[in-house]
């Protein structure tokens, strides 16, 4: 489809030196281009049919004079609408390699003359704006008005909007070519959508636009989930918590975990680690062994001996 207005067609120029019809006589004077004097013995014939032009109207061309019928048959264009020749004395309109009588250049639906009206060509048919809008234009989903041919519009999800009517449902600013997020029939610019719907970090309360991690069923920025003790990022790392505060394994062990009575290192219980407790003392499984023979006491009977533990054999052997 191409959009055209009344300036898009042209009056067709004639292949003549003078646009006036001339009438030759043996006794009168010719047109203003010069005086024509002839006698009955001089030939003044049509360049096409060779019939005498004395006493008849004719049209002068570069190829010589033509009687009116021969001129029209030779030079006139055929009207694309009625298929008749467009005579020399008719106003001819020209549009996209097609020629029309002025009276034939009209809307194919309502027959309104398009000679001085904006129009649209749809599938080679000429339509006035009213008929085109009625047949082919859509209505703006926001204001309900017709989206006129040639006007800027936006289409999404089978709906159409004037460019100035497609607004963010939050800030009510035109979305134009900006990215937007649809939500239940509404359309939001990215900042408004994030402010209204995006999850907020449990630590800084700012929106999460991408990435993020979940801790205790709450969203966190990756950079916000850090150890409460040393501020080391915990995303992707093994960690634990105390009173809802996250700690890396090292800080948690140093600050809160019981210490092994043998190696004095923290017993964290992470990574499937097991430990043994007796009274107010604790041991890693690997550290719970006889102080004399180093036999593992896990699952075995043992005898406490001051700060140490002994297997039954070493206990019975005496000091």
C-alpha atoms as a PDB file:
ATOM      1  CA  UNK A   1       0.000   0.000   0.000  1.00  0.00           C
ATOM      2  CA  UNK A   2       1.229   3.457  -0.801  1.00  0.00           C
ATOM      3  CA  UNK A   3       0.018   6.696   0.699  1.00  0.00           C
ATOM      4  CA  UNK A   4      -0.745   9.583  -1.635  1.00  0.00           C
ATOM      5  CA  UNK A   5      -2.488  12.929  -1.479  1.00  0.00           C
ATOM      6  CA  UNK A   6      -3.800  15.330  -4.058  1.00  0.00           C
ATOM      7  CA  UNK A   7      -0.262  16.427  -4.981  1.00  0.00           C
ATOM      8  CA  UNK A   8       0.626  12.883  -5.979  1.00  0.00           C
ATOM      9  CA  UNK A   9      -1.008  13.021  -9.391  1.00  0.00           C
ATOM     10  CA  UNK A  10      -0.205  15.354 -12.251  1.00  0.00           C
ATOM     11  CA  UNK A  11      -1.991  17.029 -15.097  1.00  0.00           C
ATOM     12  CA  UNK A  12      -0.677  15.258 -18.168  1.00  0.00           C
ATOM     13  CA  UNK A  13       1.247  17.634 -20.534  1.00  0.00           C
ATOM     14  CA  UNK A  14       0.410  17.576 -24.254  1.00  0.00           C
ATOM     15  CA  UNK A  15       2.907  17.019 -27.024  1.00  0.00           C
ATOM     16  CA  UNK A  16       2.141  20.347 -28.634  1.00  0.00           C
ATOM     17  CA  UNK A  17       3.913  23.587 -29.313  1.00  0.00           C
ATOM     18  CA  UNK A  18       0.744  25.565 -28.683  1.00  0.00           C
ATOM     19  CA  UNK A  19      -2.130  24.561 -26.431  1.00  0.00           C
ATOM     20  CA  UNK A  20      -4.800  26.298 -28.526  1.00  0.00           C
ATOM     21  CA  UNK A  21      -6.949  24.809 -31.233  1.00  0.00           C
ATOM     22  CA  UNK A  22      -6.360  26.580 -34.505  1.00  0.00           C
ATOM     23  CA  UNK A  23      -8.824  27.026 -37.314  1.00  0.00           C
ATOM     24  CA  UNK A  24      -7.429  27.612 -40.776  1.00  0.00           C
ATOM     25  CA  UNK A  25      -9.330  29.456 -43.470  1.00  0.00           C
ATOM     26  CA  UNK A  26      -8.396  30.771 -46.884  1.00  0.00           C
ATOM     27  CA  UNK A  27      -9.357  34.267 -45.936  1.00  0.00           C
ATOM     28  CA  UNK A  28      -8.793  34.703 -42.157  1.00  0.00           C
ATOM     29  CA  UNK A  29      -5.703  35.155 -40.011  1.00  0.00           C
ATOM     30  CA  UNK A  30      -4.115  32.382 -37.895  1.00  0.00           C
ATOM     31  CA  UNK A  31      -3.218  32.231 -34.172  1.00  0.00           C
ATOM     32  CA  UNK A  32      -1.019  34.685 -32.404  1.00  0.00           C
ATOM     33  CA  UNK A  33       2.131  32.761 -33.275  1.00  0.00           C
ATOM     34  CA  UNK A  34       2.032  34.139 -36.767  1.00  0.00           C
ATOM     35  CA  UNK A  35      -0.150  35.089 -39.668  1.00  0.00           C
ATOM     36  CA  UNK A  36      -1.414  32.254 -41.780  1.00  0.00           C
ATOM     37  CA  UNK A  37      -2.268  33.208 -45.352  1.00  0.00           C
ATOM     38  CA  UNK A  38      -3.076  30.566 -47.880  1.00  0.00           C
ATOM     39  CA  UNK A  39      -4.593  30.148 -51.259  1.00  0.00           C
ATOM     40  CA  UNK A  40      -6.653  27.276 -52.471  1.00  0.00           C
ATOM     41  CA  UNK A  41      -3.638  25.997 -54.401  1.00  0.00           C
ATOM     42  CA  UNK A  42      -1.491  25.517 -51.253  1.00  0.00           C
ATOM     43  CA  UNK A  43      -1.756  22.188 -49.353  1.00  0.00           C
ATOM     44  CA  UNK A  44      -2.375  22.358 -45.611  1.00  0.00           C
ATOM     45  CA  UNK A  45      -3.098  18.787 -44.567  1.00  0.00           C
ATOM     46  CA  UNK A  46      -3.183  16.667 -41.390  1.00  0.00           C
ATOM     47  CA  UNK A  47       0.180  14.957 -40.773  1.00  0.00           C
ATOM     48  CA  UNK A  48      -1.663  11.718 -40.015  1.00  0.00           C
ATOM     49  CA  UNK A  49      -4.642  11.325 -42.342  1.00  0.00           C
ATOM     50  CA  UNK A  50      -3.526  13.868 -44.978  1.00  0.00           C
ATOM     51  CA  UNK A  51      -6.981  15.428 -45.071  1.00  0.00           C
ATOM     52  CA  UNK A  52      -7.117  19.137 -45.634  1.00  0.00           C
ATOM     53  CA  UNK A  53      -7.238  21.267 -42.522  1.00  0.00           C
ATOM     54  CA  UNK A  54      -8.729  24.330 -44.223  1.00  0.00           C
ATOM     55  CA  UNK A  55     -11.799  25.390 -42.314  1.00  0.00           C
ATOM     56  CA  UNK A  56     -11.163  22.812 -39.531  1.00  0.00           C
ATOM     57  CA  UNK A  57      -9.714  22.873 -36.055  1.00  0.00           C
ATOM     58  CA  UNK A  58      -6.265  21.407 -35.762  1.00  0.00           C
ATOM     59  CA  UNK A  59      -3.418  21.083 -33.240  1.00  0.00           C
ATOM     60  CA  UNK A  60       0.154  21.959 -34.083  1.00  0.00           C
ATOM     61  CA  UNK A  61       2.863  19.530 -32.876  1.00  0.00           C
ATOM     62  CA  UNK A  62       6.563  19.086 -33.495  1.00  0.00           C
ATOM     63  CA  UNK A  63       5.636  16.638 -36.248  1.00  0.00           C
ATOM     64  CA  UNK A  64       3.266  19.050 -37.942  1.00  0.00           C
ATOM     65  CA  UNK A  65      -0.433  19.875 -37.708  1.00  0.00           C
ATOM     66  CA  UNK A  66      -2.980  17.219 -36.756  1.00  0.00           C
ATOM     67  CA  UNK A  67      -6.716  17.249 -37.061  1.00  0.00           C
ATOM     68  CA  UNK A  68      -8.356  16.789 -33.671  1.00  0.00           C
ATOM     69  CA  UNK A  69      -9.429  13.133 -34.184  1.00  0.00           C
ATOM     70  CA  UNK A  70      -5.974  12.112 -35.409  1.00  0.00           C
ATOM     71  CA  UNK A  71      -4.269  13.987 -32.597  1.00  0.00           C
ATOM     72  CA  UNK A  72      -6.373  12.238 -29.972  1.00  0.00           C
ATOM     73  CA  UNK A  73      -5.904   8.806 -31.593  1.00  0.00           C
ATOM     74  CA  UNK A  74      -2.153   9.331 -31.857  1.00  0.00           C
ATOM     75  CA  UNK A  75      -1.214  11.055 -28.637  1.00  0.00           C
ATOM     76  CA  UNK A  76      -4.061  10.708 -26.141  1.00  0.00           C
ATOM     77  CA  UNK A  77      -3.730   8.268 -23.234  1.00  0.00           C
ATOM     78  CA  UNK A  78      -6.389   5.753 -22.280  1.00  0.00           C
ATOM     79  CA  UNK A  79      -8.239   6.338 -19.019  1.00  0.00           C
ATOM     80  CA  UNK A  80      -7.496   3.519 -16.547  1.00  0.00           C
ATOM     81  CA  UNK A  81     -11.069   3.708 -15.259  1.00  0.00           C
ATOM     82  CA  UNK A  82     -13.359   3.971 -18.293  1.00  0.00           C
ATOM     83  CA  UNK A  83     -10.850   2.750 -20.906  1.00  0.00           C
ATOM     84  CA  UNK A  84     -11.743   5.673 -23.196  1.00  0.00           C
ATOM     85  CA  UNK A  85      -9.265   8.066 -24.758  1.00  0.00           C
ATOM     86  CA  UNK A  86      -8.561  11.225 -22.798  1.00  0.00           C
ATOM     87  CA  UNK A  87      -9.191  13.922 -25.392  1.00  0.00           C
ATOM     88  CA  UNK A  88      -7.013  16.951 -25.942  1.00  0.00           C
ATOM     89  CA  UNK A  89      -9.595  19.223 -24.362  1.00  0.00           C
ATOM     90  CA  UNK A  90     -10.010  17.098 -21.203  1.00  0.00           C
ATOM     91  CA  UNK A  91      -8.132  17.517 -17.954  1.00  0.00           C
ATOM     92  CA  UNK A  92      -5.957  14.463 -17.494  1.00  0.00           C
ATOM     93  CA  UNK A  93      -4.764  13.189 -14.099  1.00  0.00           C
ATOM     94  CA  UNK A  94      -1.708  10.990 -13.817  1.00  0.00           C
ATOM     95  CA  UNK A  95      -0.976   8.617 -10.902  1.00  0.00           C
ATOM     96  CA  UNK A  96       1.565   5.768 -10.725  1.00  0.00           C
ATOM     97  CA  UNK A  97       1.788   5.214 -14.488  1.00  0.00           C
ATOM     98  CA  UNK A  98      -1.989   5.333 -14.823  1.00  0.00           C
ATOM     99  CA  UNK A  99      -4.011   8.045 -16.542  1.00  0.00           C
ATOM    100  CA  UNK A 100      -7.505   9.223 -15.663  1.00  0.00           C
ATOM    101  CA  UNK A 101     -10.167  11.633 -16.816  1.00  0.00           C
ATOM    102  CA  UNK A 102     -10.730  14.122 -14.024  1.00  0.00           C
ATOM    103  CA  UNK A 103     -14.246  12.762 -13.602  1.00  0.00           C
ATOM    104  CA  UNK A 104     -12.981   9.167 -13.464  1.00  0.00           C
ATOM    105  CA  UNK A 105     -10.425   9.816 -10.742  1.00  0.00           C
ATOM    106  CA  UNK A 106     -12.689   8.937  -7.812  1.00  0.00           C
ATOM    107  CA  UNK A 107     -13.044   6.669  -4.787  1.00  0.00           C
ATOM    108  CA  UNK A 108     -13.936   3.138  -5.847  1.00  0.00           C
ATOM    109  CA  UNK A 109     -16.443   2.855  -2.978  1.00  0.00           C
ATOM    110  CA  UNK A 110     -18.277   6.136  -2.512  1.00  0.00           C
ATOM    111  CA  UNK A 111     -17.416   7.564  -5.963  1.00  0.00           C
ATOM    112  CA  UNK A 112     -16.228  10.848  -4.423  1.00  0.00           C
ATOM    113  CA  UNK A 113     -13.882  12.804  -6.674  1.00  0.00           C
ATOM    114  CA  UNK A 114     -10.270  12.514  -5.535  1.00  0.00           C
ATOM    115  CA  UNK A 115      -8.942  15.301  -7.744  1.00  0.00           C
ATOM    116  CA  UNK A 116      -8.459  17.614  -4.780  1.00  0.00           C
ATOM    117  CA  UNK A 117      -8.721  15.148  -1.885  1.00  0.00           C
ATOM    118  CA  UNK A 118      -6.212  13.034   0.074  1.00  0.00           C
ATOM    119  CA  UNK A 119      -6.525   9.389  -0.893  1.00  0.00           C
ATOM    120  CA  UNK A 120      -4.984   5.964  -0.423  1.00  0.00           C
ATOM    121  CA  UNK A 121      -4.248   3.235  -2.928  1.00  0.00           C
ATOM    122  CA  UNK A 122      -5.147  -0.213  -1.587  1.00  0.00           C
ATOM    123  CA  UNK A 123      -4.554  -3.214  -3.867  1.00  0.00           C
ATOM    124  CA  UNK A 124      -4.542  -0.895  -6.916  1.00  0.00           C
ATOM    125  CA  UNK A 125      -7.896   0.620  -5.894  1.00  0.00           C
ATOM    126  CA  UNK A 126      -8.231   4.294  -5.020  1.00  0.00           C
ATOM    127  CA  UNK A 127     -10.004   5.107  -1.768  1.00  0.00           C
ATOM    128  CA  UNK A 128     -10.826   8.373  -0.051  1.00  0.00           C
ATOM    129  CA  UNK A 129      -9.648   8.611   3.551  1.00  0.00           C
ATOM    130  CA  UNK A 130     -13.119   8.035   4.985  1.00  0.00           C
ATOM    131  CA  UNK A 131     -13.666   4.820   3.042  1.00  0.00           C
ATOM    132  CA  UNK A 132     -10.164   3.580   3.746  1.00  0.00           C
ATOM    133  CA  UNK A 133     -10.560   4.143   7.475  1.00  0.00           C
ATOM    134  CA  UNK A 134     -13.937   2.418   7.462  1.00  0.00           C
ATOM    135  CA  UNK A 135     -12.634  -0.611   5.574  1.00  0.00           C
ATOM    136  CA  UNK A 136      -9.039  -1.043   6.676  1.00  0.00           C
ATOM    137  CA  UNK A 137      -8.091   1.148   9.612  1.00  0.00           C
ATOM    138  CA  UNK A 138      -8.110  -0.096  13.181  1.00  0.00           C
ATOM    139  CA  UNK A 139      -9.261   1.633  16.324  1.00  0.00           C
ATOM    140  CA  UNK A 140      -6.888   2.762  19.031  1.00  0.00           C
ATOM    141  CA  UNK A 141      -7.252   0.473  22.053  1.00  0.00           C
ATOM    142  CA  UNK A 142      -6.727   3.432  24.373  1.00  0.00           C
ATOM    143  CA  UNK A 143      -8.820   6.317  23.011  1.00  0.00           C
ATOM    144  CA  UNK A 144     -11.150   4.416  20.677  1.00  0.00           C
ATOM    145  CA  UNK A 145     -10.462   6.789  17.788  1.00  0.00           C
ATOM    146  CA  UNK A 146      -9.504   5.646  14.289  1.00  0.00           C
ATOM    147  CA  UNK A 147      -5.812   5.198  13.588  1.00  0.00           C
ATOM    148  CA  UNK A 148      -5.532   7.216  10.392  1.00  0.00           C
ATOM    149  CA  UNK A 149      -3.562   5.931   7.392  1.00  0.00           C
ATOM    150  CA  UNK A 150       0.017   7.109   7.479  1.00  0.00           C
ATOM    151  CA  UNK A 151      -0.074   8.025  11.172  1.00  0.00           C
ATOM    152  CA  UNK A 152       2.418   6.531  13.613  1.00  0.00           C
ATOM    153  CA  UNK A 153       1.026   3.576  15.499  1.00  0.00           C
ATOM    154  CA  UNK A 154       2.063   0.682  17.722  1.00  0.00           C
ATOM    155  CA  UNK A 155       0.765  -2.870  17.545  1.00  0.00           C
ATOM    156  CA  UNK A 156       1.030  -5.518  20.244  1.00  0.00           C
ATOM    157  CA  UNK A 157      -0.963  -8.635  21.044  1.00  0.00           C
ATOM    158  CA  UNK A 158      -3.413  -8.031  18.210  1.00  0.00           C
ATOM    159  CA  UNK A 159      -4.204  -4.500  19.402  1.00  0.00           C
ATOM    160  CA  UNK A 160      -3.325  -1.115  17.924  1.00  0.00           C
ATOM    161  CA  UNK A 161      -2.539   2.215  19.558  1.00  0.00           C
ATOM    162  CA  UNK A 162      -1.750   5.713  18.421  1.00  0.00           C
ATOM    163  CA  UNK A 163       1.889   6.270  19.294  1.00  0.00           C
ATOM    164  CA  UNK A 164       0.918   8.998  21.768  1.00  0.00           C
ATOM    165  CA  UNK A 165      -1.742   6.762  23.381  1.00  0.00           C
ATOM    166  CA  UNK A 166       0.513   3.808  24.232  1.00  0.00           C
ATOM    167  CA  UNK A 167       1.418   4.832  27.788  1.00  0.00           C
ATOM    168  CA  UNK A 168       3.058   3.207  30.795  1.00  0.00           C
ATOM    169  CA  UNK A 169       0.355   2.178  33.281  1.00  0.00           C
ATOM    170  CA  UNK A 170       2.571   3.444  36.078  1.00  0.00           C
ATOM    171  CA  UNK A 171       4.084   6.806  35.148  1.00  0.00           C
ATOM    172  CA  UNK A 172       1.699   7.402  32.191  1.00  0.00           C
ATOM    173  CA  UNK A 173       4.562   8.423  29.922  1.00  0.00           C
ATOM    174  CA  UNK A 174       4.565   7.314  26.237  1.00  0.00           C
ATOM    175  CA  UNK A 175       6.380   4.014  25.846  1.00  0.00           C
ATOM    176  CA  UNK A 176       7.317   4.648  22.210  1.00  0.00           C
ATOM    177  CA  UNK A 177      10.152   2.314  21.256  1.00  0.00           C
ATOM    178  CA  UNK A 178      11.206   1.682  24.871  1.00  0.00           C
ATOM    179  CA  UNK A 179      11.139  -1.783  26.408  1.00  0.00           C
ATOM    180  CA  UNK A 180       8.020  -2.556  28.394  1.00  0.00           C
ATOM    181  CA  UNK A 181       6.543  -5.374  30.478  1.00  0.00           C
ATOM    182  CA  UNK A 182       2.912  -6.491  29.943  1.00  0.00           C
ATOM    183  CA  UNK A 183       0.966  -7.488  33.056  1.00  0.00           C
ATOM    184  CA  UNK A 184      -2.733  -8.411  33.120  1.00  0.00           C
ATOM    185  CA  UNK A 185      -3.687  -6.034  30.322  1.00  0.00           C
ATOM    186  CA  UNK A 186      -1.465  -3.223  31.569  1.00  0.00           C
ATOM    187  CA  UNK A 187       1.896  -2.147  30.160  1.00  0.00           C
ATOM    188  CA  UNK A 188       4.743  -0.843  32.281  1.00  0.00           C
ATOM    189  CA  UNK A 189       8.072   0.712  31.471  1.00  0.00           C
ATOM    190  CA  UNK A 190      10.884  -1.303  33.035  1.00  0.00           C
ATOM    191  CA  UNK A 191      11.550   1.089  35.962  1.00  0.00           C
ATOM    192  CA  UNK A 192       7.852   1.233  36.917  1.00  0.00           C
ATOM    193  CA  UNK A 193       7.447  -2.536  36.663  1.00  0.00           C
ATOM    194  CA  UNK A 194      10.474  -3.180  38.816  1.00  0.00           C
ATOM    195  CA  UNK A 195       9.329  -0.655  41.383  1.00  0.00           C
ATOM    196  CA  UNK A 196       5.829  -2.151  41.517  1.00  0.00           C
ATOM    197  CA  UNK A 197       6.350  -5.892  41.082  1.00  0.00           C
ATOM    198  CA  UNK A 198      10.007  -6.895  41.311  1.00  0.00           C
ATOM    199  CA  UNK A 199      11.059  -8.688  44.540  1.00  0.00           C
ATOM    200  CA  UNK A 200      13.004  -6.664  47.067  1.00  0.00           C
ATOM    201  CA  UNK A 201      16.221  -7.657  48.747  1.00  0.00           C
ATOM    202  CA  UNK A 202      15.731  -8.756  52.371  1.00  0.00           C
ATOM    203  CA  UNK A 203      18.790  -6.757  53.385  1.00  0.00           C
ATOM    204  CA  UNK A 204      18.775  -3.469  51.413  1.00  0.00           C
ATOM    205  CA  UNK A 205      15.067  -3.437  50.385  1.00  0.00           C
ATOM    206  CA  UNK A 206      15.975  -2.476  46.821  1.00  0.00           C
ATOM    207  CA  UNK A 207      14.464  -4.302  43.847  1.00  0.00           C
ATOM    208  CA  UNK A 208      16.155  -7.316  42.301  1.00  0.00           C
ATOM    209  CA  UNK A 209      16.271  -6.881  38.542  1.00  0.00           C
ATOM    210  CA  UNK A 210      18.477  -9.847  37.712  1.00  0.00           C
ATOM    211  CA  UNK A 211      20.259 -12.684  39.430  1.00  0.00           C
ATOM    212  CA  UNK A 212      19.910 -12.786  43.182  1.00  0.00           C
ATOM    213  CA  UNK A 213      19.774 -15.681  45.657  1.00  0.00           C
ATOM    214  CA  UNK A 214      17.179 -17.026  48.069  1.00  0.00           C
ATOM    215  CA  UNK A 215      17.890 -17.431  51.776  1.00  0.00           C
ATOM    216  CA  UNK A 216      15.206 -18.390  54.291  1.00  0.00           C
ATOM    217  CA  UNK A 217      12.616 -18.046  51.508  1.00  0.00           C
ATOM    218  CA  UNK A 218      13.563 -14.425  50.929  1.00  0.00           C
ATOM    219  CA  UNK A 219      15.320 -12.846  47.909  1.00  0.00           C
ATOM    220  CA  UNK A 220      18.738 -11.266  48.329  1.00  0.00           C
ATOM    221  CA  UNK A 221      21.134  -9.487  46.017  1.00  0.00           C
ATOM    222  CA  UNK A 222      24.179 -11.697  45.665  1.00  0.00           C
ATOM    223  CA  UNK A 223      26.329  -8.854  46.922  1.00  0.00           C
ATOM    224  CA  UNK A 224      24.074  -8.369  49.967  1.00  0.00           C
ATOM    225  CA  UNK A 225      24.289 -11.946  51.231  1.00  0.00           C
ATOM    226  CA  UNK A 226      27.566 -11.735  53.185  1.00  0.00           C
ATOM    227  CA  UNK A 227      28.947 -13.218  56.373  1.00  0.00           C
ATOM    228  CA  UNK A 228      27.838 -11.243  59.409  1.00  0.00           C
ATOM    229  CA  UNK A 229      31.288 -11.702  60.898  1.00  0.00           C
ATOM    230  CA  UNK A 230      33.821 -11.064  58.123  1.00  0.00           C
ATOM    231  CA  UNK A 231      31.593  -9.718  55.293  1.00  0.00           C
ATOM    232  CA  UNK A 232      32.750 -12.430  52.895  1.00  0.00           C
ATOM    233  CA  UNK A 233      30.187 -13.026  50.079  1.00  0.00           C
ATOM    234  CA  UNK A 234      28.278 -16.225  50.772  1.00  0.00           C
ATOM    235  CA  UNK A 235      26.540 -16.766  47.411  1.00  0.00           C
ATOM    236  CA  UNK A 236      27.621 -20.159  46.130  1.00  0.00           C
ATOM    237  CA  UNK A 237      29.429 -20.945  49.419  1.00  0.00           C
ATOM    238  CA  UNK A 238      28.572 -23.229  52.312  1.00  0.00           C
ATOM    239  CA  UNK A 239      27.389 -21.245  55.317  1.00  0.00           C
ATOM    240  CA  UNK A 240      25.208 -21.464  58.394  1.00  0.00           C
ATOM    241  CA  UNK A 241      23.253 -19.026  60.524  1.00  0.00           C
ATOM    242  CA  UNK A 242      22.642 -17.951  64.083  1.00  0.00           C
ATOM    243  CA  UNK A 243      19.509 -16.014  65.029  1.00  0.00           C
ATOM    244  CA  UNK A 244      18.770 -15.545  61.293  1.00  0.00           C
ATOM    245  CA  UNK A 245      22.170 -13.949  60.663  1.00  0.00           C
ATOM    246  CA  UNK A 246      24.295 -15.763  58.060  1.00  0.00           C
ATOM    247  CA  UNK A 247      27.892 -16.729  58.863  1.00  0.00           C
ATOM    248  CA  UNK A 248      30.619 -18.357  56.879  1.00  0.00           C
ATOM    249  CA  UNK A 249      31.844 -21.677  58.297  1.00  0.00           C
ATOM    250  CA  UNK A 250      35.037 -20.152  59.658  1.00  0.00           C
ATOM    251  CA  UNK A 251      33.361 -17.278  61.523  1.00  0.00           C
ATOM    252  CA  UNK A 252      30.590 -19.469  62.874  1.00  0.00           C
ATOM    253  CA  UNK A 253      33.101 -21.980  64.208  1.00  0.00           C
ATOM    254  CA  UNK A 254      35.272 -19.333  65.795  1.00  0.00           C
ATOM    255  CA  UNK A 255      32.382 -17.479  67.368  1.00  0.00           C
ATOM    256  CA  UNK A 256      29.815 -20.095  68.317  1.00  0.00           C
ATOM    257  CA  UNK A 257      30.843 -23.722  67.714  1.00  0.00           C
ATOM    258  CA  UNK A 258      32.095 -25.937  70.593  1.00  0.00           C
ATOM    259  CA  UNK A 259      35.819 -26.737  70.484  1.00  0.00           C
ATOM    260  CA  UNK A 260      37.185 -30.243  70.207  1.00  0.00           C
ATOM    261  CA  UNK A 261      38.769 -31.289  73.513  1.00  0.00           C
ATOM    262  CA  UNK A 262      41.526 -32.998  71.583  1.00  0.00           C
ATOM    263  CA  UNK A 263      42.534 -30.728  68.629  1.00  0.00           C
ATOM    264  CA  UNK A 264      40.947 -27.550  70.004  1.00  0.00           C
ATOM    265  CA  UNK A 265      39.429 -26.739  66.590  1.00  0.00           C
ATOM    266  CA  UNK A 266      35.723 -25.828  66.234  1.00  0.00           C
ATOM    267  CA  UNK A 267      33.203 -28.593  65.769  1.00  0.00           C
ATOM    268  CA  UNK A 268      30.784 -27.157  63.202  1.00  0.00           C
ATOM    269  CA  UNK A 269      28.839 -30.238  62.232  1.00  0.00           C
ATOM    270  CA  UNK A 270      28.838 -29.031  58.576  1.00  0.00           C
ATOM    271  CA  UNK A 271      29.593 -31.269  55.649  1.00  0.00           C
ATOM    272  CA  UNK A 272      28.232 -34.336  57.436  1.00  0.00           C
ATOM    273  CA  UNK A 273      30.752 -34.004  60.289  1.00  0.00           C
ATOM    274  CA  UNK A 274      30.009 -36.041  63.418  1.00  0.00           C
ATOM    275  CA  UNK A 275      31.162 -35.530  66.944  1.00  0.00           C
ATOM    276  CA  UNK A 276      31.012 -37.131  70.386  1.00  0.00           C
ATOM    277  CA  UNK A 277      29.971 -35.355  73.583  1.00  0.00           C
ATOM    278  CA  UNK A 278      30.657 -36.442  77.132  1.00  0.00           C
ATOM    279  CA  UNK A 279      29.639 -34.269  80.026  1.00  0.00           C
ATOM    280  CA  UNK A 280      30.770 -30.770  78.974  1.00  0.00           C
ATOM    281  CA  UNK A 281      33.447 -31.969  76.554  1.00  0.00           C
ATOM    282  CA  UNK A 282      33.242 -32.581  72.789  1.00  0.00           C
ATOM    283  CA  UNK A 283      35.369 -34.412  70.222  1.00  0.00           C
ATOM    284  CA  UNK A 284      35.442 -34.783  66.473  1.00  0.00           C
ATOM    285  CA  UNK A 285      34.835 -38.418  65.571  1.00  0.00           C
ATOM    286  CA  UNK A 286      38.358 -38.592  64.208  1.00  0.00           C
ATOM    287  CA  UNK A 287      39.752 -37.101  67.427  1.00  0.00           C
ATOM    288  CA  UNK A 288      37.881 -39.329  69.910  1.00  0.00           C
ATOM    289  CA  UNK A 289      40.589 -41.901  70.626  1.00  0.00           C
ATOM    290  CA  UNK A 290      42.551 -43.386  73.524  1.00  0.00           C
ATOM    291  CA  UNK A 291      45.155 -40.925  74.787  1.00  0.00           C
ATOM    292  CA  UNK A 292      47.696 -43.775  75.156  1.00  0.00           C
ATOM    293  CA  UNK A 293      47.258 -46.202  72.262  1.00  0.00           C
ATOM    294  CA  UNK A 294      45.287 -43.897  69.917  1.00  0.00           C
ATOM    295  CA  UNK A 295      42.616 -46.546  69.371  1.00  0.00           C
ATOM    296  CA  UNK A 296      39.348 -44.982  68.185  1.00  0.00           C
ATOM    297  CA  UNK A 297      36.801 -44.962  70.966  1.00  0.00           C
ATOM    298  CA  UNK A 298      33.793 -44.219  68.732  1.00  0.00           C
ATOM    299  CA  UNK A 299      31.170 -46.791  69.667  1.00  0.00           C
ATOM    300  CA  UNK A 300      33.506 -48.332  72.277  1.00  0.00           C
ATOM    301  CA  UNK A 301      33.591 -48.208  76.017  1.00  0.00           C
ATOM    302  CA  UNK A 302      36.056 -45.763  77.504  1.00  0.00           C
ATOM    303  CA  UNK A 303      37.266 -44.511  80.859  1.00  0.00           C
ATOM    304  CA  UNK A 304      37.779 -40.789  81.604  1.00  0.00           C
ATOM    305  CA  UNK A 305      41.145 -40.036  83.106  1.00  0.00           C
ATOM    306  CA  UNK A 306      41.341 -36.370  84.059  1.00  0.00           C
ATOM    307  CA  UNK A 307      41.342 -34.393  80.818  1.00  0.00           C
ATOM    308  CA  UNK A 308      41.962 -37.564  78.822  1.00  0.00           C
ATOM    309  CA  UNK A 309      39.980 -40.634  77.836  1.00  0.00           C
ATOM    310  CA  UNK A 310      41.369 -44.161  77.763  1.00  0.00           C
ATOM    311  CA  UNK A 311      40.261 -47.395  76.248  1.00  0.00           C
ATOM    312  CA  UNK A 312      39.415 -50.081  78.774  1.00  0.00           C
ATOM    313  CA  UNK A 313      42.643 -51.963  78.078  1.00  0.00           C
ATOM    314  CA  UNK A 314      44.882 -48.977  78.780  1.00  0.00           C
ATOM    315  CA  UNK A 315      42.794 -48.058  81.812  1.00  0.00           C
ATOM    316  CA  UNK A 316      43.278 -51.524  83.340  1.00  0.00           C
ATOM    317  CA  UNK A 317      46.998 -51.529  82.600  1.00  0.00           C
ATOM    318  CA  UNK A 318      47.495 -48.764  85.117  1.00  0.00           C
ATOM    319  CA  UNK A 319      49.694 -45.684  84.883  1.00  0.00           C
END
